[in-house]
């Protein structure tokens, strides 16, 4: 093993044949030219057409979302007014002021319906026909048989219902305003 180590050391001390030739050959080498960078733009007209179609589709979807947002503005306004009415009911000191605040609920419902349905169809409805119409505009119902049956009484100030019934009615109206469909 010592001989092997010695032979390696001896070889390393001697100059390698052709080292000068190798250095000259390396000096003569030229750098390989790189290909031009790949463009990020589409290379064929098909990609341009696809891009235009996708852009048109995105524009159409944005336009529809904007129209839906505008069409539901009456819902946002009605929910804000319902919150104001609810605060007015909670702040009402006497029975008379509470009854006045409660009378705003049927008027709000009528305005919401008039915003999404023809006036000739809904303006003349009252009492049970009105409640049946409201049940027809929402899958869950709740007007003819549920807390909504208070609406005709509240419109005329017949009585001041208990707080639990009013809370249930306001919850029903909040859900109905957000989810009803026009019953045409």
N, C-alpha and C. Protein backbone atom coordinates (compact mmCIF):
# COMPACT_ATOMS: atom_id res chain seq x y z
N UNK A 1 0.81 -1.17 0.00
CA UNK A 1 0.00 0.00 0.00
C UNK A 1 0.86 1.24 0.00
N UNK A 2 1.99 1.16 0.65
CA UNK A 2 2.91 2.27 0.63
C UNK A 2 3.41 2.51 -0.78
N UNK A 3 3.55 1.45 -1.55
CA UNK A 3 4.00 1.60 -2.94
C UNK A 3 2.96 2.34 -3.76
N UNK A 4 1.74 2.06 -3.50
CA UNK A 4 0.68 2.72 -4.26
C UNK A 4 0.63 4.20 -3.93
N UNK A 5 0.79 4.53 -2.67
CA UNK A 5 0.78 5.93 -2.28
C UNK A 5 1.98 6.63 -2.88
N UNK A 6 3.14 5.93 -2.86
CA UNK A 6 4.34 6.51 -3.42
C UNK A 6 4.20 6.75 -4.91
N UNK A 7 3.56 5.84 -5.60
CA UNK A 7 3.43 6.00 -7.04
C UNK A 7 2.50 7.15 -7.38
N UNK A 8 1.48 7.35 -6.56
CA UNK A 8 0.60 8.48 -6.82
C UNK A 8 1.32 9.79 -6.58
N UNK A 9 2.07 9.86 -5.56
CA UNK A 9 2.80 11.07 -5.25
C UNK A 9 3.82 11.36 -6.34
N UNK A 10 4.43 10.33 -6.86
CA UNK A 10 5.42 10.52 -7.92
C UNK A 10 4.76 11.01 -9.18
N UNK A 11 3.58 10.51 -9.48
CA UNK A 11 2.88 10.93 -10.69
C UNK A 11 2.43 12.38 -10.58
N UNK A 12 2.05 12.82 -9.41
CA UNK A 12 1.58 14.18 -9.23
C UNK A 12 2.71 15.18 -9.37
N UNK A 13 3.91 14.79 -9.05
CA UNK A 13 5.04 15.69 -9.13
C UNK A 13 5.49 15.89 -10.57
N UNK A 14 5.27 14.93 -11.42
CA UNK A 14 5.70 15.03 -12.81
C UNK A 14 4.64 15.79 -13.62
N UNK A 15 5.08 16.62 -14.57
CA UNK A 15 4.12 17.33 -15.41
C UNK A 15 3.36 16.36 -16.30
N UNK A 16 2.11 16.65 -16.51
CA UNK A 16 1.26 15.80 -17.34
C UNK A 16 1.55 16.14 -18.79
N UNK A 17 1.65 15.12 -19.58
CA UNK A 17 1.95 15.33 -20.99
C UNK A 17 0.73 15.95 -21.66
N UNK A 18 0.93 16.95 -22.47
CA UNK A 18 -0.13 17.58 -23.23
C UNK A 18 -0.87 18.66 -22.47
N UNK A 19 -0.35 19.14 -21.35
CA UNK A 19 -1.03 20.17 -20.59
C UNK A 19 -1.02 21.47 -21.38
N UNK A 20 0.04 21.76 -22.04
CA UNK A 20 0.11 22.97 -22.84
C UNK A 20 -0.85 22.89 -24.00
N UNK A 21 -0.98 21.70 -24.57
CA UNK A 21 -1.92 21.53 -25.68
C UNK A 21 -3.36 21.72 -25.21
N UNK A 22 -3.66 21.23 -24.00
CA UNK A 22 -5.02 21.35 -23.47
C UNK A 22 -5.35 22.81 -23.18
N UNK A 23 -4.40 23.57 -22.67
CA UNK A 23 -4.64 24.98 -22.38
C UNK A 23 -4.88 25.74 -23.68
N UNK A 24 -4.17 25.39 -24.71
CA UNK A 24 -4.37 26.05 -26.00
C UNK A 24 -5.72 25.69 -26.60
N UNK A 25 -6.11 24.43 -26.42
CA UNK A 25 -7.39 23.99 -26.94
C UNK A 25 -8.55 24.69 -26.21
N UNK A 26 -8.39 24.88 -24.91
CA UNK A 26 -9.43 25.57 -24.13
C UNK A 26 -9.54 27.03 -24.55
N UNK A 27 -8.41 27.62 -24.89
CA UNK A 27 -8.42 29.02 -25.31
C UNK A 27 -9.14 29.19 -26.64
N UNK A 28 -9.08 28.15 -27.48
CA UNK A 28 -9.71 28.23 -28.79
C UNK A 28 -11.22 28.00 -28.73
N UNK A 29 -11.73 27.45 -27.62
CA UNK A 29 -13.17 27.17 -27.52
C UNK A 29 -13.96 28.47 -27.50
N UNK A 30 -15.11 28.44 -28.14
CA UNK A 30 -16.02 29.58 -28.13
C UNK A 30 -17.25 29.21 -27.30
N UNK A 31 -17.88 30.23 -26.74
CA UNK A 31 -19.08 29.95 -25.95
C UNK A 31 -20.21 29.54 -26.87
N UNK A 32 -21.00 28.61 -26.38
CA UNK A 32 -22.14 28.16 -27.17
C UNK A 32 -23.20 29.25 -27.10
N UNK A 33 -23.70 29.70 -28.24
CA UNK A 33 -24.72 30.75 -28.21
C UNK A 33 -26.03 30.19 -27.65
N UNK A 34 -26.66 30.97 -26.77
CA UNK A 34 -27.93 30.56 -26.18
C UNK A 34 -29.07 30.88 -27.14
N UNK A 35 -30.12 30.07 -27.12
CA UNK A 35 -31.26 30.40 -27.98
C UNK A 35 -31.95 31.65 -27.44
N UNK A 36 -32.71 32.32 -28.28
CA UNK A 36 -33.42 33.51 -27.80
C UNK A 36 -34.41 33.12 -26.71
N UNK A 37 -34.67 34.01 -25.74
CA UNK A 37 -35.60 33.67 -24.66
C UNK A 37 -37.01 33.41 -25.20
N UNK A 38 -37.71 32.53 -24.54
CA UNK A 38 -39.06 32.19 -24.95
C UNK A 38 -39.99 33.35 -24.60
N UNK A 39 -40.80 33.73 -25.54
CA UNK A 39 -41.73 34.84 -25.34
C UNK A 39 -42.90 34.39 -24.46
N UNK A 40 -43.35 35.30 -23.61
CA UNK A 40 -44.51 35.00 -22.78
C UNK A 40 -45.82 35.27 -23.52
N UNK A 41 -45.73 35.89 -24.67
CA UNK A 41 -46.92 36.16 -25.46
C UNK A 41 -47.31 34.91 -26.22
N UNK A 42 -48.60 34.73 -26.50
CA UNK A 42 -49.02 33.55 -27.26
C UNK A 42 -48.42 33.57 -28.67
N UNK A 43 -48.07 32.40 -29.15
CA UNK A 43 -47.40 32.31 -30.45
C UNK A 43 -48.38 32.12 -31.60
N UNK A 44 -49.60 31.67 -31.32
CA UNK A 44 -50.55 31.41 -32.40
C UNK A 44 -51.81 32.24 -32.17
N UNK A 45 -52.61 32.39 -33.21
CA UNK A 45 -53.81 33.20 -33.12
C UNK A 45 -54.87 32.54 -32.24
N UNK A 46 -54.82 31.23 -32.08
CA UNK A 46 -55.79 30.53 -31.25
C UNK A 46 -55.75 30.98 -29.80
N UNK A 47 -54.55 31.21 -29.30
CA UNK A 47 -54.42 31.69 -27.92
C UNK A 47 -54.97 33.10 -27.77
N UNK A 48 -54.78 33.91 -28.80
CA UNK A 48 -55.32 35.27 -28.75
C UNK A 48 -56.85 35.23 -28.74
N UNK A 49 -57.44 34.34 -29.54
CA UNK A 49 -58.90 34.20 -29.56
C UNK A 49 -59.40 33.70 -28.21
N UNK A 50 -58.72 32.70 -27.65
CA UNK A 50 -59.11 32.19 -26.34
C UNK A 50 -59.00 33.27 -25.27
N UNK A 51 -57.94 34.06 -25.32
CA UNK A 51 -57.79 35.16 -24.36
C UNK A 51 -58.90 36.18 -24.50
N UNK A 52 -59.26 36.50 -25.75
CA UNK A 52 -60.35 37.46 -25.97
C UNK A 52 -61.68 36.90 -25.46
N UNK A 53 -61.93 35.61 -25.68
CA UNK A 53 -63.16 35.00 -25.19
C UNK A 53 -63.21 34.99 -23.66
N UNK A 54 -62.08 34.67 -23.03
CA UNK A 54 -62.04 34.68 -21.57
C UNK A 54 -62.25 36.09 -21.02
N UNK A 55 -61.66 37.06 -21.68
CA UNK A 55 -61.85 38.45 -21.26
C UNK A 55 -63.31 38.88 -21.42
N UNK A 56 -63.93 38.47 -22.54
CA UNK A 56 -65.34 38.79 -22.75
C UNK A 56 -66.22 38.10 -21.70
N UNK A 57 -65.90 36.85 -21.38
CA UNK A 57 -66.66 36.13 -20.36
C UNK A 57 -66.51 36.79 -18.99
N UNK A 58 -65.31 37.20 -18.65
CA UNK A 58 -65.09 37.88 -17.38
C UNK A 58 -65.87 39.20 -17.34
N UNK A 59 -65.89 39.92 -18.45
CA UNK A 59 -66.67 41.16 -18.52
C UNK A 59 -68.16 40.91 -18.37
N UNK A 60 -68.65 39.86 -19.00
CA UNK A 60 -70.07 39.52 -18.90
C UNK A 60 -70.44 39.14 -17.47
N UNK A 61 -69.60 38.34 -16.83
CA UNK A 61 -69.88 37.95 -15.44
C UNK A 61 -69.84 39.16 -14.50
N UNK A 62 -68.91 40.06 -14.73
CA UNK A 62 -68.84 41.27 -13.90
C UNK A 62 -70.07 42.14 -14.11
N UNK A 63 -70.52 42.26 -15.35
CA UNK A 63 -71.71 43.06 -15.66
C UNK A 63 -72.94 42.46 -15.00
N UNK A 64 -73.09 41.12 -15.07
CA UNK A 64 -74.24 40.46 -14.43
C UNK A 64 -74.20 40.62 -12.92
N UNK A 65 -73.01 40.51 -12.33
CA UNK A 65 -72.90 40.69 -10.88
C UNK A 65 -73.27 42.12 -10.48
N UNK A 66 -72.86 43.09 -11.28
CA UNK A 66 -73.20 44.49 -11.00
C UNK A 66 -74.71 44.70 -11.12
N UNK A 67 -75.34 44.11 -12.15
CA UNK A 67 -76.79 44.25 -12.32
C UNK A 67 -77.54 43.59 -11.16
N UNK A 68 -77.07 42.42 -10.73
CA UNK A 68 -77.71 41.74 -9.60
C UNK A 68 -77.57 42.59 -8.33
N UNK A 69 -76.40 43.18 -8.18
CA UNK A 69 -76.17 44.04 -7.02
C UNK A 69 -77.13 45.24 -7.06
N UNK A 70 -77.29 45.84 -8.22
CA UNK A 70 -78.20 46.98 -8.36
C UNK A 70 -79.65 46.56 -8.17
N UNK A 71 -80.00 45.37 -8.70
CA UNK A 71 -81.38 44.90 -8.58
C UNK A 71 -81.75 44.60 -7.13
N UNK A 72 -80.78 44.26 -6.32
CA UNK A 72 -81.05 43.93 -4.91
C UNK A 72 -80.83 45.11 -3.98
N UNK A 73 -80.71 46.29 -4.53
CA UNK A 73 -80.52 47.46 -3.68
C UNK A 73 -81.71 47.68 -2.76
N UNK A 74 -82.91 47.42 -3.27
CA UNK A 74 -84.10 47.60 -2.43
C UNK A 74 -84.04 46.69 -1.21
N UNK A 75 -83.42 45.51 -1.35
CA UNK A 75 -83.29 44.60 -0.21
C UNK A 75 -82.37 45.21 0.86
N UNK A 76 -81.23 45.72 0.41
CA UNK A 76 -80.30 46.33 1.37
C UNK A 76 -80.94 47.52 2.08
N UNK A 77 -81.64 48.35 1.31
CA UNK A 77 -82.32 49.50 1.92
C UNK A 77 -83.39 49.05 2.90
N UNK A 78 -84.15 48.02 2.53
CA UNK A 78 -85.21 47.53 3.41
C UNK A 78 -84.64 46.91 4.68
N UNK A 79 -83.53 46.19 4.56
CA UNK A 79 -82.92 45.62 5.77
C UNK A 79 -82.40 46.71 6.69
N UNK A 80 -81.86 47.78 6.11
CA UNK A 80 -81.40 48.90 6.94
C UNK A 80 -82.58 49.57 7.63
N UNK A 81 -83.69 49.74 6.90
CA UNK A 81 -84.86 50.35 7.53
C UNK A 81 -85.46 49.44 8.59
N UNK A 82 -85.43 48.13 8.35
CA UNK A 82 -85.92 47.19 9.36
C UNK A 82 -85.09 47.29 10.64
N UNK A 83 -83.80 47.47 10.49
CA UNK A 83 -82.94 47.63 11.67
C UNK A 83 -83.30 48.92 12.42
N UNK A 84 -83.60 49.99 11.68
CA UNK A 84 -84.01 51.25 12.33
C UNK A 84 -85.35 51.08 13.04
N UNK A 85 -86.28 50.38 12.40
CA UNK A 85 -87.58 50.14 13.03
C UNK A 85 -87.41 49.31 14.30
N UNK A 86 -86.57 48.29 14.21
CA UNK A 86 -86.32 47.43 15.37
C UNK A 86 -85.73 48.24 16.52
N UNK A 87 -84.80 49.14 16.20
CA UNK A 87 -84.23 49.99 17.24
C UNK A 87 -85.29 50.93 17.81
N UNK A 88 -86.19 51.42 16.96
CA UNK A 88 -87.27 52.28 17.44
C UNK A 88 -88.24 51.54 18.34
N UNK A 89 -88.50 50.28 18.02
CA UNK A 89 -89.38 49.47 18.87
C UNK A 89 -88.74 49.25 20.23
N UNK A 90 -87.44 48.96 20.22
CA UNK A 90 -86.73 48.72 21.49
C UNK A 90 -86.66 49.99 22.33
N UNK A 91 -86.56 51.14 21.67
CA UNK A 91 -86.42 52.40 22.40
C UNK A 91 -87.77 53.01 22.80
N UNK A 92 -88.87 52.44 22.29
CA UNK A 92 -90.19 53.01 22.58
C UNK A 92 -90.48 52.93 24.07
N UNK A 93 -90.86 54.08 24.63
CA UNK A 93 -91.09 54.15 26.08
C UNK A 93 -92.51 53.72 26.43
N UNK A 94 -93.48 54.28 25.76
CA UNK A 94 -94.87 53.98 26.10
C UNK A 94 -95.52 53.06 25.09
N UNK A 95 -96.74 52.65 25.41
CA UNK A 95 -97.48 51.75 24.54
C UNK A 95 -97.83 52.43 23.22
N UNK A 96 -98.13 53.71 23.28
CA UNK A 96 -98.49 54.45 22.06
C UNK A 96 -97.30 54.58 21.11
N UNK A 97 -96.14 54.92 21.63
CA UNK A 97 -94.95 55.05 20.77
C UNK A 97 -94.52 53.69 20.22
N UNK A 98 -94.70 52.64 21.01
CA UNK A 98 -94.38 51.29 20.53
C UNK A 98 -95.33 50.89 19.40
N UNK A 99 -96.61 51.22 19.55
CA UNK A 99 -97.60 50.91 18.52
C UNK A 99 -97.28 51.66 17.23
N UNK A 100 -96.84 52.90 17.34
CA UNK A 100 -96.46 53.68 16.16
C UNK A 100 -95.25 53.07 15.46
N UNK A 101 -94.28 52.62 16.25
CA UNK A 101 -93.09 51.99 15.66
C UNK A 101 -93.45 50.67 14.99
N UNK A 102 -94.36 49.91 15.60
CA UNK A 102 -94.79 48.64 15.01
C UNK A 102 -95.59 48.85 13.73
N UNK A 103 -96.29 49.96 13.62
CA UNK A 103 -97.08 50.23 12.42
C UNK A 103 -96.21 50.44 11.19
N UNK A 104 -94.94 50.70 11.38
CA UNK A 104 -94.03 50.88 10.24
C UNK A 104 -93.68 49.56 9.58
N UNK A 105 -93.85 48.44 10.27
CA UNK A 105 -93.50 47.14 9.70
C UNK A 105 -94.35 46.77 8.48
N UNK A 106 -95.70 46.84 8.57
CA UNK A 106 -96.49 46.51 7.38
C UNK A 106 -96.22 47.45 6.20
N UNK A 107 -95.98 48.71 6.48
CA UNK A 107 -95.66 49.65 5.41
C UNK A 107 -94.35 49.28 4.73
N UNK A 108 -93.38 48.84 5.51
CA UNK A 108 -92.10 48.40 4.94
C UNK A 108 -92.30 47.19 4.04
N UNK A 109 -93.09 46.23 4.49
CA UNK A 109 -93.34 45.03 3.69
C UNK A 109 -94.02 45.41 2.38
N UNK A 110 -94.98 46.30 2.43
CA UNK A 110 -95.70 46.72 1.22
C UNK A 110 -94.74 47.41 0.25
N UNK A 111 -93.84 48.25 0.75
CA UNK A 111 -92.87 48.92 -0.13
C UNK A 111 -91.91 47.92 -0.77
N UNK A 112 -91.50 46.90 -0.01
CA UNK A 112 -90.61 45.88 -0.57
C UNK A 112 -91.30 45.14 -1.70
N UNK A 113 -92.55 44.77 -1.49
CA UNK A 113 -93.28 44.04 -2.54
C UNK A 113 -93.49 44.94 -3.75
N UNK A 114 -93.80 46.19 -3.54
CA UNK A 114 -94.00 47.10 -4.67
C UNK A 114 -92.71 47.35 -5.44
N UNK A 115 -91.57 47.15 -4.81
CA UNK A 115 -90.29 47.33 -5.50
C UNK A 115 -90.01 46.19 -6.48
N UNK A 116 -90.63 45.03 -6.27
CA UNK A 116 -90.29 43.89 -7.14
C UNK A 116 -91.49 43.30 -7.86
N UNK A 117 -92.68 43.80 -7.65
CA UNK A 117 -93.86 43.26 -8.32
C UNK A 117 -94.68 44.41 -8.90
N UNK A 118 -95.50 44.12 -9.90
CA UNK A 118 -96.32 45.18 -10.49
C UNK A 118 -97.33 45.75 -9.49
N UNK A 119 -97.44 47.04 -9.49
CA UNK A 119 -98.34 47.73 -8.56
C UNK A 119 -99.78 47.26 -8.75
N UNK A 120 -100.19 47.03 -9.98
CA UNK A 120 -101.58 46.62 -10.24
C UNK A 120 -101.89 45.26 -9.62
N UNK A 121 -100.88 44.45 -9.42
CA UNK A 121 -101.08 43.12 -8.88
C UNK A 121 -101.15 43.11 -7.35
N UNK A 122 -100.43 44.01 -6.69
CA UNK A 122 -100.32 43.90 -5.23
C UNK A 122 -100.90 45.08 -4.45
N UNK A 123 -101.15 46.19 -5.08
CA UNK A 123 -101.58 47.38 -4.33
C UNK A 123 -102.92 47.18 -3.65
N UNK A 124 -103.80 46.41 -4.25
CA UNK A 124 -105.14 46.27 -3.68
C UNK A 124 -105.27 45.11 -2.69
N UNK A 125 -104.22 44.33 -2.49
CA UNK A 125 -104.30 43.19 -1.58
C UNK A 125 -104.32 43.64 -0.13
N UNK A 126 -105.12 42.96 0.68
CA UNK A 126 -105.16 43.24 2.12
C UNK A 126 -105.61 41.99 2.86
N UNK A 127 -105.43 42.02 4.15
CA UNK A 127 -105.84 40.94 5.07
C UNK A 127 -105.29 39.58 4.62
N UNK A 128 -106.17 38.57 4.52
CA UNK A 128 -105.73 37.21 4.23
C UNK A 128 -105.14 37.09 2.82
N UNK A 129 -105.69 37.79 1.85
CA UNK A 129 -105.14 37.74 0.49
C UNK A 129 -103.71 38.27 0.46
N UNK A 130 -103.45 39.29 1.25
CA UNK A 130 -102.10 39.85 1.35
C UNK A 130 -101.14 38.84 1.97
N UNK A 131 -101.56 38.18 3.03
CA UNK A 131 -100.71 37.18 3.69
C UNK A 131 -100.47 35.98 2.77
N UNK A 132 -101.50 35.57 2.03
CA UNK A 132 -101.33 34.45 1.09
C UNK A 132 -100.35 34.83 -0.02
N UNK A 133 -100.44 36.07 -0.49
CA UNK A 133 -99.49 36.53 -1.51
C UNK A 133 -98.06 36.49 -0.96
N UNK A 134 -97.86 36.96 0.25
CA UNK A 134 -96.53 36.96 0.85
C UNK A 134 -96.01 35.54 1.02
N UNK A 135 -96.87 34.61 1.41
CA UNK A 135 -96.46 33.20 1.51
C UNK A 135 -96.05 32.66 0.15
N UNK A 136 -96.70 33.13 -0.91
CA UNK A 136 -96.36 32.67 -2.26
C UNK A 136 -95.03 33.21 -2.76
N UNK A 137 -94.52 34.25 -2.14
CA UNK A 137 -93.24 34.81 -2.59
C UNK A 137 -92.04 34.20 -1.91
N UNK A 138 -92.28 33.33 -0.94
CA UNK A 138 -91.16 32.77 -0.18
C UNK A 138 -91.44 31.32 0.12
N UNK A 139 -90.46 30.48 -0.07
CA UNK A 139 -90.62 29.04 0.09
C UNK A 139 -90.96 28.63 1.52
N UNK A 140 -90.53 29.40 2.51
CA UNK A 140 -90.72 29.01 3.90
C UNK A 140 -92.08 29.41 4.46
N UNK A 141 -92.80 30.29 3.79
CA UNK A 141 -94.09 30.73 4.30
C UNK A 141 -93.94 31.49 5.61
N UNK A 142 -94.90 31.32 6.49
CA UNK A 142 -94.81 31.96 7.80
C UNK A 142 -95.64 33.22 7.94
N UNK A 143 -96.36 33.60 6.88
CA UNK A 143 -97.16 34.82 6.99
C UNK A 143 -98.61 34.50 7.35
N UNK A 144 -99.23 33.57 6.66
CA UNK A 144 -100.63 33.25 6.94
C UNK A 144 -100.78 32.47 8.24
N UNK A 145 -99.80 31.63 8.56
CA UNK A 145 -99.92 30.77 9.73
C UNK A 145 -98.89 31.09 10.81
N UNK A 146 -97.87 31.83 10.51
CA UNK A 146 -96.80 32.08 11.47
C UNK A 146 -96.85 33.47 12.04
N UNK A 147 -95.70 34.00 12.39
CA UNK A 147 -95.64 35.34 12.99
C UNK A 147 -96.12 36.45 12.06
N UNK A 148 -96.13 36.18 10.76
CA UNK A 148 -96.56 37.19 9.80
C UNK A 148 -98.02 37.55 9.89
N UNK A 149 -98.81 36.72 10.57
CA UNK A 149 -100.25 37.00 10.70
C UNK A 149 -100.50 38.29 11.50
N UNK A 150 -99.45 38.80 12.16
CA UNK A 150 -99.59 40.05 12.92
C UNK A 150 -99.62 41.29 12.02
N UNK A 151 -99.16 41.17 10.78
CA UNK A 151 -99.04 42.36 9.92
C UNK A 151 -100.35 43.13 9.76
N UNK A 152 -101.49 42.48 9.45
CA UNK A 152 -102.73 43.29 9.33
C UNK A 152 -103.11 43.99 10.64
N UNK A 153 -102.88 43.33 11.76
CA UNK A 153 -103.20 43.95 13.05
C UNK A 153 -102.30 45.16 13.30
N UNK A 154 -101.02 45.03 12.94
CA UNK A 154 -100.09 46.13 13.17
C UNK A 154 -100.38 47.32 12.26
N UNK A 155 -100.88 47.04 11.06
CA UNK A 155 -101.17 48.12 10.12
C UNK A 155 -102.25 49.05 10.66
N UNK A 156 -103.19 48.49 11.40
CA UNK A 156 -104.30 49.29 11.91
C UNK A 156 -104.19 49.58 13.40
N UNK A 157 -103.11 49.14 14.02
CA UNK A 157 -102.90 49.44 15.44
C UNK A 157 -103.94 48.82 16.35
N UNK A 158 -104.43 47.64 16.01
CA UNK A 158 -105.47 46.98 16.79
C UNK A 158 -104.99 46.68 18.20
N UNK A 159 -103.81 46.09 18.30
CA UNK A 159 -103.27 45.77 19.63
C UNK A 159 -101.75 45.83 19.56
N UNK A 160 -101.14 45.85 20.70
CA UNK A 160 -99.69 45.83 20.79
C UNK A 160 -99.27 44.42 21.23
N UNK A 161 -98.73 43.62 20.32
CA UNK A 161 -98.41 42.22 20.64
C UNK A 161 -97.24 42.11 21.61
N UNK A 162 -97.11 40.96 22.26
CA UNK A 162 -95.99 40.75 23.19
C UNK A 162 -94.64 40.81 22.47
N UNK A 163 -93.60 41.05 23.23
CA UNK A 163 -92.26 41.22 22.66
C UNK A 163 -91.79 39.97 21.94
N UNK A 164 -92.14 38.78 22.42
CA UNK A 164 -91.69 37.54 21.78
C UNK A 164 -92.28 37.42 20.37
N UNK A 165 -93.55 37.80 20.20
CA UNK A 165 -94.17 37.75 18.88
C UNK A 165 -93.54 38.77 17.94
N UNK A 166 -93.24 39.94 18.46
CA UNK A 166 -92.60 40.98 17.64
C UNK A 166 -91.21 40.53 17.21
N UNK A 167 -90.47 39.92 18.11
CA UNK A 167 -89.13 39.42 17.78
C UNK A 167 -89.21 38.36 16.69
N UNK A 168 -90.18 37.45 16.80
CA UNK A 168 -90.35 36.41 15.78
C UNK A 168 -90.75 37.03 14.44
N UNK A 169 -91.61 38.05 14.47
CA UNK A 169 -92.02 38.72 13.24
C UNK A 169 -90.83 39.42 12.58
N UNK A 170 -90.02 40.10 13.36
CA UNK A 170 -88.86 40.80 12.80
C UNK A 170 -87.87 39.81 12.21
N UNK A 171 -87.67 38.67 12.86
CA UNK A 171 -86.78 37.64 12.31
C UNK A 171 -87.34 37.10 10.99
N UNK A 172 -88.66 36.88 10.95
CA UNK A 172 -89.31 36.43 9.71
C UNK A 172 -89.13 37.45 8.60
N UNK A 173 -89.36 38.72 8.91
CA UNK A 173 -89.23 39.77 7.90
C UNK A 173 -87.79 39.90 7.41
N UNK A 174 -86.83 39.77 8.31
CA UNK A 174 -85.42 39.86 7.92
C UNK A 174 -85.08 38.73 6.93
N UNK A 175 -85.51 37.52 7.25
CA UNK A 175 -85.26 36.40 6.34
C UNK A 175 -86.01 36.57 5.03
N UNK A 176 -87.26 37.01 5.10
CA UNK A 176 -88.06 37.17 3.90
C UNK A 176 -87.48 38.24 2.97
N UNK A 177 -87.07 39.36 3.53
CA UNK A 177 -86.51 40.43 2.70
C UNK A 177 -85.26 39.93 1.98
N UNK A 178 -84.45 39.16 2.65
CA UNK A 178 -83.21 38.68 2.04
C UNK A 178 -83.40 37.56 1.03
N UNK A 179 -84.52 36.82 1.11
CA UNK A 179 -84.62 35.61 0.28
C UNK A 179 -85.88 35.51 -0.57
N UNK A 180 -86.82 36.42 -0.49
CA UNK A 180 -88.06 36.25 -1.24
C UNK A 180 -87.82 36.36 -2.75
N UNK A 181 -88.77 35.84 -3.49
CA UNK A 181 -88.74 35.93 -4.95
C UNK A 181 -90.02 36.62 -5.40
N UNK A 182 -89.92 37.36 -6.48
CA UNK A 182 -91.09 38.06 -7.00
C UNK A 182 -92.12 37.02 -7.44
N UNK A 183 -93.33 37.18 -7.01
CA UNK A 183 -94.42 36.25 -7.32
C UNK A 183 -95.23 36.90 -8.43
N UNK A 184 -94.88 36.58 -9.67
CA UNK A 184 -95.55 37.23 -10.80
C UNK A 184 -96.60 36.34 -11.41
